[in-house]
C-alpha atoms as a PDB file:
ATOM      1  CA  MET A   1      40.269 -79.919 157.118  1.00  0.00           C
ATOM      2  CA  ASN A   2      43.544 -80.698 158.891  1.00  0.00           C
ATOM      3  CA  LEU A   3      46.733 -80.104 156.920  1.00  0.00           C
ATOM      4  CA  THR A   4      49.524 -82.603 157.271  1.00  0.00           C
ATOM      5  CA  ARG A   5      53.201 -82.334 156.423  1.00  0.00           C
ATOM      6  CA  GLU A   6      52.741 -84.867 153.594  1.00  0.00           C
ATOM      7  CA  MET A   7      50.093 -82.677 151.950  1.00  0.00           C
ATOM      8  CA  LEU A   8      52.490 -79.730 151.882  1.00  0.00           C
ATOM      9  CA  GLU A   9      55.301 -81.614 150.166  1.00  0.00           C
ATOM     10  CA  PRO A  10      56.029 -80.095 146.682  1.00  0.00           C
ATOM     11  CA  VAL A  11      55.048 -82.311 143.771  1.00  0.00           C
ATOM     12  CA  ALA A  12      58.025 -83.305 141.655  1.00  0.00           C
ATOM     13  CA  ALA A  13      57.850 -81.627 138.274  1.00  0.00           C
ATOM     14  CA  GLU A  14      57.504 -84.138 135.458  1.00  0.00           C
ATOM     15  CA  GLU A  15      60.363 -83.870 133.053  1.00  0.00           C
ATOM     16  CA  LYS A  16      58.736 -83.477 129.696  1.00  0.00           C
ATOM     17  CA  GLY A  17      61.767 -82.466 127.732  1.00  0.00           C
ATOM     18  CA  ASP A  18      62.439 -85.991 126.526  1.00  0.00           C
ATOM     19  CA  ILE A  19      58.821 -86.901 125.835  1.00  0.00           C
ATOM     20  CA  ILE A  20      58.073 -87.259 122.106  1.00  0.00           C
ATOM     21  CA  VAL A  21      54.605 -85.861 121.474  1.00  0.00           C
ATOM     22  CA  ARG A  22      54.385 -87.523 118.053  1.00  0.00           C
ATOM     23  CA  PRO A  23      56.880 -89.231 115.757  1.00  0.00           C
ATOM     24  CA  SER A  24      58.886 -86.976 113.476  1.00  0.00           C
ATOM     25  CA  LEU A  25      57.569 -87.143 109.911  1.00  0.00           C
ATOM     26  CA  THR A  26      58.869 -85.805 106.631  1.00  0.00           C
ATOM     27  CA  TYR A  27      56.736 -83.514 104.489  1.00  0.00           C
ATOM     28  CA  TRP A  28      55.602 -86.371 102.219  1.00  0.00           C
ATOM     29  CA  GLN A  29      54.960 -88.778 105.100  1.00  0.00           C
ATOM     30  CA  ASP A  30      52.817 -86.175 106.839  1.00  0.00           C
ATOM     31  CA  ALA A  31      50.944 -85.434 103.585  1.00  0.00           C
ATOM     32  CA  TRP A  32      50.263 -89.143 103.053  1.00  0.00           C
ATOM     33  CA  ARG A  33      49.061 -89.448 106.679  1.00  0.00           C
ATOM     34  CA  ARG A  34      46.562 -86.628 106.163  1.00  0.00           C
ATOM     35  CA  LEU A  35      45.461 -87.971 102.787  1.00  0.00           C
ATOM     36  CA  ARG A  36      44.741 -91.414 104.267  1.00  0.00           C
ATOM     37  CA  LYS A  37      42.399 -89.808 106.788  1.00  0.00           C
ATOM     38  CA  ASN A  38      40.398 -88.240 103.942  1.00  0.00           C
ATOM     39  CA  VAL A  39      38.028 -91.112 103.090  1.00  0.00           C
ATOM     40  CA  PRO A  40      36.460 -89.574  99.924  1.00  0.00           C
ATOM     41  CA  SER A  41      39.918 -88.834  98.499  1.00  0.00           C
ATOM     42  CA  MET A  42      41.109 -92.382  99.179  1.00  0.00           C
ATOM     43  CA  ILE A  43      38.010 -93.795  97.475  1.00  0.00           C
ATOM     44  CA  ALA A  44      38.649 -91.466  94.524  1.00  0.00           C
ATOM     45  CA  MET A  45      42.292 -92.555  94.345  1.00  0.00           C
ATOM     46  CA  VAL A  46      41.266 -96.226  94.304  1.00  0.00           C
ATOM     47  CA  ALA A  47      38.763 -95.443  91.530  1.00  0.00           C
ATOM     48  CA  VAL A  48      41.440 -93.663  89.458  1.00  0.00           C
ATOM     49  CA  ILE A  49      43.899 -96.548  89.900  1.00  0.00           C
ATOM     50  CA  PHE A  50      41.181 -99.043  88.972  1.00  0.00           C
ATOM     51  CA  LEU A  51      40.323 -97.063  85.827  1.00  0.00           C
ATOM     52  CA  ILE A  52      43.950 -96.838  84.701  1.00  0.00           C
ATOM     53  CA  VAL A  53      44.847-100.472  85.437  1.00  0.00           C
ATOM     54  CA  GLY A  54      41.545-101.772  84.067  1.00  0.00           C
ATOM     55  CA  SER A  55      41.907 -99.876  80.789  1.00  0.00           C
ATOM     56  CA  ILE A  56      45.338-101.456  80.292  1.00  0.00           C
ATOM     57  CA  VAL A  57      44.666-105.029  81.472  1.00  0.00           C
ATOM     58  CA  ILE A  58      41.029-105.840  80.583  1.00  0.00           C
ATOM     59  CA  PRO A  59      41.384-105.731  76.746  1.00  0.00           C
ATOM     60  CA  PHE A  60      43.974-108.534  76.917  1.00  0.00           C
ATOM     61  CA  PHE A  61      41.496-110.906  78.594  1.00  0.00           C
ATOM     62  CA  TRP A  62      38.099-109.841  77.232  1.00  0.00           C
ATOM     63  CA  LYS A  63      36.569-112.228  74.724  1.00  0.00           C
ATOM     64  CA  TYR A  64      35.602-109.492  72.250  1.00  0.00           C
ATOM     65  CA  ASP A  65      37.729-106.951  70.410  1.00  0.00           C
ATOM     66  CA  TYR A  66      36.640-103.317  70.309  1.00  0.00           C
ATOM     67  CA  LYS A  67      36.337-103.498  66.482  1.00  0.00           C
ATOM     68  CA  GLN A  68      34.728-106.943  66.318  1.00  0.00           C
ATOM     69  CA  GLN A  69      31.212-106.848  64.827  1.00  0.00           C
ATOM     70  CA  ILE A  70      28.509-109.330  65.861  1.00  0.00           C
ATOM     71  CA  ARG A  71      25.837-108.598  63.294  1.00  0.00           C
ATOM     72  CA  ALA A  72      23.193-110.752  64.983  1.00  0.00           C
ATOM     73  CA  ASP A  73      23.346-108.641  68.149  1.00  0.00           C
ATOM     74  CA  ARG A  74      22.862-105.037  67.095  1.00  0.00           C
ATOM     75  CA  ASN A  75      21.660-102.449  69.637  1.00  0.00           C
ATOM     76  CA  GLN A  76      21.162-105.126  72.274  1.00  0.00           C
ATOM     77  CA  GLY A  77      20.727-104.023  75.878  1.00  0.00           C
ATOM     78  CA  PRO A  78      22.958-105.157  78.755  1.00  0.00           C
ATOM     79  CA  SER A  79      22.999-108.921  79.245  1.00  0.00           C
ATOM     80  CA  SER A  80      25.191-111.689  80.627  1.00  0.00           C
ATOM     81  CA  GLU A  81      26.848-112.007  77.211  1.00  0.00           C
ATOM     82  CA  HIS A  82      27.370-108.254  76.684  1.00  0.00           C
ATOM     83  CA  VAL A  83      27.663-106.444  80.009  1.00  0.00           C
ATOM     84  CA  PHE A  84      26.978-102.991  78.546  1.00  0.00           C
ATOM     85  CA  GLY A  85      25.061-104.223  75.503  1.00  0.00           C
ATOM     86  CA  THR A  86      26.055-103.743  71.858  1.00  0.00           C
ATOM     87  CA  ASP A  87      26.089-100.775  69.476  1.00  0.00           C
ATOM     88  CA  ALA A  88      24.486-100.252  66.063  1.00  0.00           C
ATOM     89  CA  LEU A  89      27.164-102.361  64.360  1.00  0.00           C
ATOM     90  CA  GLY A  90      26.932-105.197  66.860  1.00  0.00           C
ATOM     91  CA  ARG A  91      30.181-104.366  68.666  1.00  0.00           C
ATOM     92  CA  ASP A  92      30.521-105.099  72.382  1.00  0.00           C
ATOM     93  CA  LEU A  93      30.000-101.776  74.159  1.00  0.00           C
ATOM     94  CA  PHE A  94      31.866-102.730  77.344  1.00  0.00           C
ATOM     95  CA  ILE A  95      35.191-103.296  75.601  1.00  0.00           C
ATOM     96  CA  ARG A  96      34.674-100.126  73.560  1.00  0.00           C
ATOM     97  CA  VAL A  97      34.153 -98.121  76.779  1.00  0.00           C
ATOM     98  CA  VAL A  98      37.261 -99.755  78.282  1.00  0.00           C
ATOM     99  CA  TYR A  99      39.266 -99.008  75.147  1.00  0.00           C
ATOM    100  CA  GLY A 100      37.870 -95.480  75.214  1.00  0.00           C
ATOM    101  CA  ALA A 101      39.262 -95.167  78.745  1.00  0.00           C
ATOM    102  CA  ARG A 102      42.727 -95.837  77.300  1.00  0.00           C
ATOM    103  CA  ILE A 103      42.346 -93.028  74.784  1.00  0.00           C
ATOM    104  CA  SER A 104      40.661 -90.508  77.085  1.00  0.00           C
ATOM    105  CA  LEU A 105      42.952 -91.110  80.070  1.00  0.00           C
ATOM    106  CA  SER A 106      46.062 -91.009  77.870  1.00  0.00           C
ATOM    107  CA  ILE A 107      44.882 -87.676  76.455  1.00  0.00           C
ATOM    108  CA  GLY A 108      44.340 -86.285  79.946  1.00  0.00           C
ATOM    109  CA  ILE A 109      47.722 -87.499  81.239  1.00  0.00           C
ATOM    110  CA  VAL A 110      49.811 -86.535  78.180  1.00  0.00           C
ATOM    111  CA  ALA A 111      48.147 -83.117  77.903  1.00  0.00           C
ATOM    112  CA  SER A 112      48.811 -82.530  81.611  1.00  0.00           C
ATOM    113  CA  LEU A 113      52.483 -83.486  81.227  1.00  0.00           C
ATOM    114  CA  ILE A 114      52.874 -81.017  78.345  1.00  0.00           C
ATOM    115  CA  ASN A 115      51.016 -78.451  80.447  1.00  0.00           C
ATOM    116  CA  LEU A 116      53.387 -79.191  83.351  1.00  0.00           C
ATOM    117  CA  THR A 117      56.516 -78.748  81.230  1.00  0.00           C
ATOM    118  CA  ILE A 118      55.489 -75.501  79.544  1.00  0.00           C
ATOM    119  CA  GLY A 119      53.744 -73.985  82.552  1.00  0.00           C
ATOM    120  CA  VAL A 120      56.569 -74.666  85.033  1.00  0.00           C
ATOM    121  CA  LEU A 121      59.285 -73.290  82.739  1.00  0.00           C
ATOM    122  CA  TYR A 122      57.260 -70.257  81.627  1.00  0.00           C
ATOM    123  CA  GLY A 123      55.971 -69.329  85.086  1.00  0.00           C
ATOM    124  CA  GLY A 124      59.311 -70.070  86.763  1.00  0.00           C
ATOM    125  CA  ILE A 125      61.306 -67.877  84.372  1.00  0.00           C
ATOM    126  CA  SER A 126      58.735 -65.078  84.558  1.00  0.00           C
ATOM    127  CA  GLY A 127      58.594 -65.034  88.360  1.00  0.00           C
ATOM    128  CA  TYR A 128      62.334 -65.475  88.983  1.00  0.00           C
ATOM    129  CA  ILE A 129      63.696 -62.933  86.488  1.00  0.00           C
ATOM    130  CA  GLY A 130      60.919 -60.375  87.058  1.00  0.00           C
ATOM    131  CA  GLY A 131      61.097 -56.814  85.730  1.00  0.00           C
ATOM    132  CA  TRP A 132      60.082 -55.997  82.172  1.00  0.00           C
ATOM    133  CA  LEU A 133      60.350 -59.635  81.094  1.00  0.00           C
ATOM    134  CA  ASP A 134      57.834 -60.653  83.759  1.00  0.00           C
ATOM    135  CA  ASN A 135      55.454 -57.896  82.653  1.00  0.00           C
ATOM    136  CA  LEU A 136      55.742 -58.944  78.996  1.00  0.00           C
ATOM    137  CA  MET A 137      55.283 -62.652  79.707  1.00  0.00           C
ATOM    138  CA  MET A 138      52.284 -62.040  81.968  1.00  0.00           C
ATOM    139  CA  ARG A 139      50.615 -59.782  79.403  1.00  0.00           C
ATOM    140  CA  ILE A 140      50.879 -62.648  76.907  1.00  0.00           C
ATOM    141  CA  VAL A 141      49.315 -64.990  79.476  1.00  0.00           C
ATOM    142  CA  GLU A 142      46.481 -62.533  80.121  1.00  0.00           C
ATOM    143  CA  ILE A 143      45.752 -62.228  76.399  1.00  0.00           C
ATOM    144  CA  LEU A 144      45.559 -66.007  76.107  1.00  0.00           C
ATOM    145  CA  TYR A 145      43.501 -66.222  79.288  1.00  0.00           C
ATOM    146  CA  ILE A 146      40.715 -63.944  78.038  1.00  0.00           C
ATOM    147  CA  ILE A 147      40.227 -66.083  74.903  1.00  0.00           C
ATOM    148  CA  PRO A 148      37.567 -68.760  75.543  1.00  0.00           C
ATOM    149  CA  MET A 149      39.440 -72.011  75.933  1.00  0.00           C
ATOM    150  CA  LEU A 150      37.234 -74.054  73.626  1.00  0.00           C
ATOM    151  CA  LEU A 151      37.565 -71.453  70.877  1.00  0.00           C
ATOM    152  CA  TYR A 152      41.344 -71.557  71.331  1.00  0.00           C
ATOM    153  CA  VAL A 153      41.307 -75.364  71.131  1.00  0.00           C
ATOM    154  CA  ILE A 154      39.153 -75.452  68.001  1.00  0.00           C
ATOM    155  CA  LEU A 155      41.311 -72.836  66.243  1.00  0.00           C
ATOM    156  CA  LEU A 156      44.488 -74.775  66.998  1.00  0.00           C
ATOM    157  CA  GLN A 157      42.826 -78.032  65.968  1.00  0.00           C
ATOM    158  CA  VAL A 158      41.827 -76.655  62.573  1.00  0.00           C
ATOM    159  CA  THR A 159      45.149 -74.840  62.022  1.00  0.00           C
ATOM    160  CA  LEU A 160      47.470 -77.717  62.933  1.00  0.00           C
ATOM    161  CA  GLN A 161      45.532 -80.589  61.369  1.00  0.00           C
ATOM    162  CA  ALA A 162      46.879 -80.261  57.807  1.00  0.00           C
ATOM    163  CA  PRO A 163      50.575 -79.723  58.781  1.00  0.00           C
ATOM    164  CA  ILE A 164      50.585 -82.686  61.175  1.00  0.00           C
ATOM    165  CA  GLU A 165      48.783 -84.914  58.652  1.00  0.00           C
ATOM    166  CA  ASP A 166      51.422 -84.036  56.047  1.00  0.00           C
ATOM    167  CA  ALA A 167      54.232 -84.597  58.564  1.00  0.00           C
ATOM    168  CA  PHE A 168      52.939 -88.109  59.258  1.00  0.00           C
ATOM    169  CA  LYS A 169      53.387 -88.919  55.580  1.00  0.00           C
ATOM    170  CA  THR A 170      56.835 -87.400  54.994  1.00  0.00           C
ATOM    171  CA  ASN A 171      58.722 -86.734  58.249  1.00  0.00           C
ATOM    172  CA  PRO A 172      60.564 -89.784  59.693  1.00  0.00           C
ATOM    173  CA  PHE A 173      60.221 -88.437  63.250  1.00  0.00           C
ATOM    174  CA  TRP A 174      56.423 -88.211  63.086  1.00  0.00           C
ATOM    175  CA  MET A 175      56.145 -91.530  61.241  1.00  0.00           C
ATOM    176  CA  MET A 176      57.304 -93.221  64.476  1.00  0.00           C
ATOM    177  CA  PHE A 177      53.931 -92.265  65.991  1.00  0.00           C
ATOM    178  CA  LYS A 178      51.927 -93.579  63.039  1.00  0.00           C
ATOM    179  CA  PRO A 179      50.329 -96.433  65.094  1.00  0.00           C
ATOM    180  CA  LEU A 180      48.745 -93.799  67.346  1.00  0.00           C
ATOM    181  CA  GLY A 181      47.320 -91.881  64.410  1.00  0.00           C
ATOM    182  CA  TYR A 182      47.790 -88.228  63.600  1.00  0.00           C
ATOM    183  CA  GLN A 183      44.423 -87.263  65.104  1.00  0.00           C
ATOM    184  CA  LEU A 184      45.393 -88.529  68.549  1.00  0.00           C
ATOM    185  CA  ILE A 185      48.788 -86.791  68.379  1.00  0.00           C
ATOM    186  CA  LEU A 186      46.999 -83.635  67.275  1.00  0.00           C
ATOM    187  CA  VAL A 187      44.696 -83.764  70.318  1.00  0.00           C
ATOM    188  CA  TYR A 188      47.720 -84.305  72.599  1.00  0.00           C
ATOM    189  CA  LEU A 189      49.469 -81.227  71.211  1.00  0.00           C
ATOM    190  CA  VAL A 190      46.429 -78.953  71.070  1.00  0.00           C
ATOM    191  CA  LEU A 191      45.326 -79.619  74.647  1.00  0.00           C
ATOM    192  CA  GLY A 192      48.901 -79.416  75.909  1.00  0.00           C
ATOM    193  CA  LEU A 193      49.336 -76.026  74.254  1.00  0.00           C
ATOM    194  CA  VAL A 194      46.150 -74.694  75.863  1.00  0.00           C
ATOM    195  CA  PHE A 195      46.205 -75.855  79.476  1.00  0.00           C
ATOM    196  CA  TRP A 196      49.594 -74.410  80.488  1.00  0.00           C
ATOM    197  CA  VAL A 197      48.256 -70.884  81.132  1.00  0.00           C
ATOM    198  CA  ASN A 198      46.844 -71.598  84.614  1.00  0.00           C
ATOM    199  CA  MET A 199      49.920 -73.620  85.546  1.00  0.00           C
ATOM    200  CA  ALA A 200      52.196 -70.724  84.565  1.00  0.00           C
ATOM    201  CA  ARG A 201      50.263 -68.297  86.765  1.00  0.00           C
ATOM    202  CA  VAL A 202      50.373 -70.620  89.784  1.00  0.00           C
ATOM    203  CA  VAL A 203      54.107 -71.343  89.395  1.00  0.00           C
ATOM    204  CA  ARG A 204      54.905 -67.653  88.948  1.00  0.00           C
ATOM    205  CA  GLY A 205      53.071 -66.820  92.172  1.00  0.00           C
ATOM    206  CA  GLN A 206      54.949 -69.536  94.055  1.00  0.00           C
ATOM    207  CA  VAL A 207      58.314 -68.419  92.659  1.00  0.00           C
ATOM    208  CA  LEU A 208      57.648 -64.777  93.569  1.00  0.00           C
ATOM    209  CA  SER A 209      57.020 -65.812  97.179  1.00  0.00           C
ATOM    210  CA  LEU A 210      60.156 -67.979  97.336  1.00  0.00           C
ATOM    211  CA  LYS A 211      62.826 -66.160  95.357  1.00  0.00           C
ATOM    212  CA  ASN A 212      63.822 -63.839  98.230  1.00  0.00           C
ATOM    213  CA  GLN A 213      64.253 -66.686 100.728  1.00  0.00           C
ATOM    214  CA  GLU A 214      67.676 -67.156 102.311  1.00  0.00           C
ATOM    215  CA  TYR A 215      68.468 -70.447 100.591  1.00  0.00           C
ATOM    216  CA  VAL A 216      67.720 -68.914  97.181  1.00  0.00           C
ATOM    217  CA  MET A 217      69.943 -65.908  97.906  1.00  0.00           C
ATOM    218  CA  ALA A 218      72.719 -68.277  99.067  1.00  0.00           C
ATOM    219  CA  ALA A 219      72.455 -70.299  95.850  1.00  0.00           C
ATOM    220  CA  ARG A 220      72.457 -67.093  93.796  1.00  0.00           C
ATOM    221  CA  SER A 221      75.597 -65.877  95.544  1.00  0.00           C
ATOM    222  CA  GLN A 222      77.327 -69.080  94.424  1.00  0.00           C
ATOM    223  CA  GLY A 223      76.595 -68.282  90.793  1.00  0.00           C
ATOM    224  CA  THR A 224      73.769 -70.786  90.211  1.00  0.00           C
ATOM    225  CA  LYS A 225      72.296 -70.379  86.725  1.00  0.00           C
ATOM    226  CA  THR A 226      68.669 -69.398  86.225  1.00  0.00           C
ATOM    227  CA  ILE A 227      67.328 -72.715  84.915  1.00  0.00           C
ATOM    228  CA  ARG A 228      69.186 -74.691  87.593  1.00  0.00           C
ATOM    229  CA  MET A 229      67.901 -72.315  90.270  1.00  0.00           C
ATOM    230  CA  ILE A 230      64.315 -72.776  89.072  1.00  0.00           C
ATOM    231  CA  MET A 231      64.440 -76.560  88.637  1.00  0.00           C
ATOM    232  CA  LYS A 232      66.547 -77.426  91.699  1.00  0.00           C
ATOM    233  CA  HIS A 233      65.495 -74.900  94.338  1.00  0.00           C
ATOM    234  CA  LEU A 234      62.221 -73.185  93.416  1.00  0.00           C
ATOM    235  CA  VAL A 235      60.124 -75.853  91.689  1.00  0.00           C
ATOM    236  CA  PRO A 236      60.721 -78.577  94.344  1.00  0.00           C
ATOM    237  CA  ASN A 237      59.500 -76.162  97.021  1.00  0.00           C
ATOM    238  CA  SER A 238      56.362 -75.455  94.953  1.00  0.00           C
ATOM    239  CA  ILE A 239      55.601 -79.097  94.218  1.00  0.00           C
ATOM    240  CA  GLY A 240      52.397 -79.204  96.291  1.00  0.00           C
ATOM    241  CA  PRO A 241      50.384 -76.665  94.235  1.00  0.00           C
ATOM    242  CA  ILE A 242      51.913 -78.049  91.025  1.00  0.00           C
ATOM    243  CA  ILE A 243      50.706 -81.598  91.768  1.00  0.00           C
ATOM    244  CA  VAL A 244      47.238 -80.286  92.563  1.00  0.00           C
ATOM    245  CA  MET A 245      47.127 -78.318  89.296  1.00  0.00           C
ATOM    246  CA  VAL A 246      48.183 -81.385  87.290  1.00  0.00           C
ATOM    247  CA  THR A 247      45.518 -83.493  89.001  1.00  0.00           C
ATOM    248  CA  MET A 248      42.863 -80.889  88.219  1.00  0.00           C
ATOM    249  CA  ALA A 249      44.029 -80.504  84.600  1.00  0.00           C
ATOM    250  CA  ILE A 250      43.513 -84.197  83.760  1.00  0.00           C
ATOM    251  CA  PRO A 251      39.670 -84.184  84.036  1.00  0.00           C
ATOM    252  CA  SER A 252      39.535 -80.835  82.221  1.00  0.00           C
ATOM    253  CA  ALA A 253      41.525 -82.299  79.321  1.00  0.00           C
ATOM    254  CA  ILE A 254      39.316 -85.415  79.256  1.00  0.00           C
ATOM    255  CA  PHE A 255      36.148 -83.317  79.147  1.00  0.00           C
ATOM    256  CA  THR A 256      37.555 -81.020  76.460  1.00  0.00           C
ATOM    257  CA  GLU A 257      38.543 -84.021  74.309  1.00  0.00           C
ATOM    258  CA  ALA A 258      35.072 -85.501  74.800  1.00  0.00           C
ATOM    259  CA  PHE A 259      33.518 -82.233  73.648  1.00  0.00           C
ATOM    260  CA  LEU A 260      35.787 -82.079  70.582  1.00  0.00           C
ATOM    261  CA  SER A 261      35.029 -85.695  69.670  1.00  0.00           C
ATOM    262  CA  PHE A 262      31.335 -85.009  70.176  1.00  0.00           C
ATOM    263  CA  LEU A 263      31.634 -82.167  67.638  1.00  0.00           C
ATOM    264  CA  GLY A 264      33.474 -84.502  65.255  1.00  0.00           C
ATOM    265  CA  ILE A 265      36.876 -82.785  65.332  1.00  0.00           C
ATOM    266  CA  GLY A 266      38.560 -84.963  67.936  1.00  0.00           C
ATOM    267  CA  VAL A 267      39.306 -88.663  67.913  1.00  0.00           C
ATOM    268  CA  SER A 268      37.369 -90.459  65.183  1.00  0.00           C
ATOM    269  CA  ALA A 269      36.793 -94.030  63.984  1.00  0.00           C
ATOM    270  CA  PRO A 270      38.174 -96.621  64.205  1.00  0.00           C
ATOM    271  CA  MET A 271      39.484 -95.281  67.554  1.00  0.00           C
ATOM    272  CA  ALA A 272      36.951 -95.022  70.354  1.00  0.00           C
ATOM    273  CA  SER A 273      37.207 -92.345  73.008  1.00  0.00           C
ATOM    274  CA  TRP A 274      34.402 -91.618  75.440  1.00  0.00           C
ATOM    275  CA  GLY A 275      33.543 -88.465  73.520  1.00  0.00           C
ATOM    276  CA  SER A 276      33.338 -90.268  70.167  1.00  0.00           C
ATOM    277  CA  LEU A 277      31.142 -92.961  71.747  1.00  0.00           C
ATOM    278  CA  CYS A 278      28.762 -90.271  72.993  1.00  0.00           C
ATOM    279  CA  SER A 279      28.809 -88.621  69.571  1.00  0.00           C
ATOM    280  CA  GLU A 280      27.904 -91.889  67.855  1.00  0.00           C
ATOM    281  CA  SER A 281      25.074 -92.765  70.239  1.00  0.00           C
ATOM    282  CA  TYR A 282      23.150 -89.612  71.122  1.00  0.00           C
ATOM    283  CA  LYS A 283      20.906 -89.929  68.045  1.00  0.00           C
ATOM    284  CA  ALA A 284      19.686 -93.309  69.306  1.00  0.00           C
ATOM    285  CA  LEU A 285      18.908 -92.011  72.788  1.00  0.00           C
ATOM    286  CA  GLN A 286      15.257 -93.058  72.750  1.00  0.00           C
ATOM    287  CA  SER A 287      15.680 -96.475  71.136  1.00  0.00           C
ATOM    288  CA  ALA A 288      18.996 -97.499  72.765  1.00  0.00           C
ATOM    289  CA  PRO A 289      19.733 -95.227  75.762  1.00  0.00           C
ATOM    290  CA  HIS A 290      22.460 -97.578  77.041  1.00  0.00           C
ATOM    291  CA  LEU A 291      24.728 -96.490  74.170  1.00  0.00           C
ATOM    292  CA  LEU A 292      24.939 -92.977  75.650  1.00  0.00           C
ATOM    293  CA  PHE A 293      24.540 -93.815  79.323  1.00  0.00           C
ATOM    294  CA  PHE A 294      27.673 -95.914  79.840  1.00  0.00           C
ATOM    295  CA  PRO A 295      30.297 -93.647  78.166  1.00  0.00           C
ATOM    296  CA  ALA A 296      28.675 -90.563  79.735  1.00  0.00           C
ATOM    297  CA  ALA A 297      28.762 -92.277  83.145  1.00  0.00           C
ATOM    298  CA  ALA A 298      32.443 -93.135  82.609  1.00  0.00           C
ATOM    299  CA  ILE A 299      33.247 -89.474  81.875  1.00  0.00           C
ATOM    300  CA  SER A 300      31.273 -88.290  84.919  1.00  0.00           C
ATOM    301  CA  ILE A 301      32.814 -90.815  87.333  1.00  0.00           C
ATOM    302  CA  THR A 302      36.351 -90.089  86.100  1.00  0.00           C
ATOM    303  CA  MET A 303      35.969 -86.320  86.383  1.00  0.00           C
ATOM    304  CA  LEU A 304      34.401 -86.640  89.838  1.00  0.00           C
ATOM    305  CA  ALA A 305      37.177 -88.976  91.037  1.00  0.00           C
ATOM    306  CA  PHE A 306      39.985 -86.715  89.815  1.00  0.00           C
ATOM    307  CA  ASN A 307      38.363 -83.601  91.287  1.00  0.00           C
ATOM    308  CA  ILE A 308      37.829 -85.229  94.699  1.00  0.00           C
ATOM    309  CA  LEU A 309      41.403 -86.547  94.622  1.00  0.00           C
ATOM    310  CA  GLY A 310      42.677 -83.097  93.694  1.00  0.00           C
ATOM    311  CA  ASP A 311      40.811 -81.525  96.618  1.00  0.00           C
ATOM    312  CA  GLY A 312      42.287 -84.113  98.962  1.00  0.00           C
ATOM    313  CA  LEU A 313      45.804 -83.539  97.650  1.00  0.00           C
ATOM    314  CA  ARG A 314      45.388 -79.785  98.045  1.00  0.00           C
ATOM    315  CA  ASP A 315      44.495 -80.217 101.721  1.00  0.00           C
ATOM    316  CA  ALA A 316      47.172 -82.860 102.327  1.00  0.00           C
ATOM    317  CA  LEU A 317      49.990 -80.912 100.696  1.00  0.00           C
ATOM    318  CA  ASP A 318      49.135 -77.590 102.351  1.00  0.00           C
ATOM    319  CA  PRO A 319      51.735 -76.968 105.110  1.00  0.00           C
ATOM    320  CA  LYS A 320      49.205 -74.830 106.996  1.00  0.00           C
ATOM    321  CA  MET A 321      47.080 -77.957 107.546  1.00  0.00           C
ATOM    322  CA  ARG A 322      49.831 -79.717 109.524  1.00  0.00           C
ATOM    323  CA  LYS A 323      48.855 -80.582 113.089  1.00  0.00           C
END
């Protein structure tokens, strides 16, 4: 092979300094980009949105009320007139399942918000202050953690029922919530007071890993108070694991409420949660299996959707997954 002068000319180096490999994205934009690529999580998110919006909107347009009895159509199977059939009192099962979604989803969301408030404050204070206070607060958490959760829930349910029922009759503050009923408020409080333990442990771990960072030390040198330090600097930088924990707590609260209602100590008539619907129908499993199938399917689909969405959020919000 003959070499020519042109073949020996140096190739001009391509200036890559100004080339943008990919557009600059914020943390939340990058998380949303990764979440959109997770097809199961997007399907789960659509299912959750559909459940929430449907439980709010459908009762306004459905031709039957959840308490309306149609005595000629008792224990009827699914049909064009009654999509999910009717129950033993002739009530339309579809609208009762939809109304039950309101109750069950509200319990999951409210209990998770209470869990978020208590868990973030408790875990943040414990992790930031440290020392003997951290040891004391974590020993309390460990004691609560070893108690079976359902036993803890049942004990609180039985203990708080009489005081809250009396407060609904005499206290003006609690009388504002009378349309909701004291049993529903009781379930909100009991589940909220139980589910904060895991949140506190997660937040404490995040705060322990962040409190010696430079920006925290700079804020401390300026005299920032403890609560402001936790809420302004530490919690926002731990928001990823916190969101995942809240998402995972919602199906746990829904299942726990369903179990309590199934035992008869949760939401009771005339309200209809998915657990109370299962409790009312399991005795007629052989003669009218649709009465149990549809509320049980609603519980299963909701828990599966929230768990898949939580897994997707965990992957999307993890900085180590950034590419």
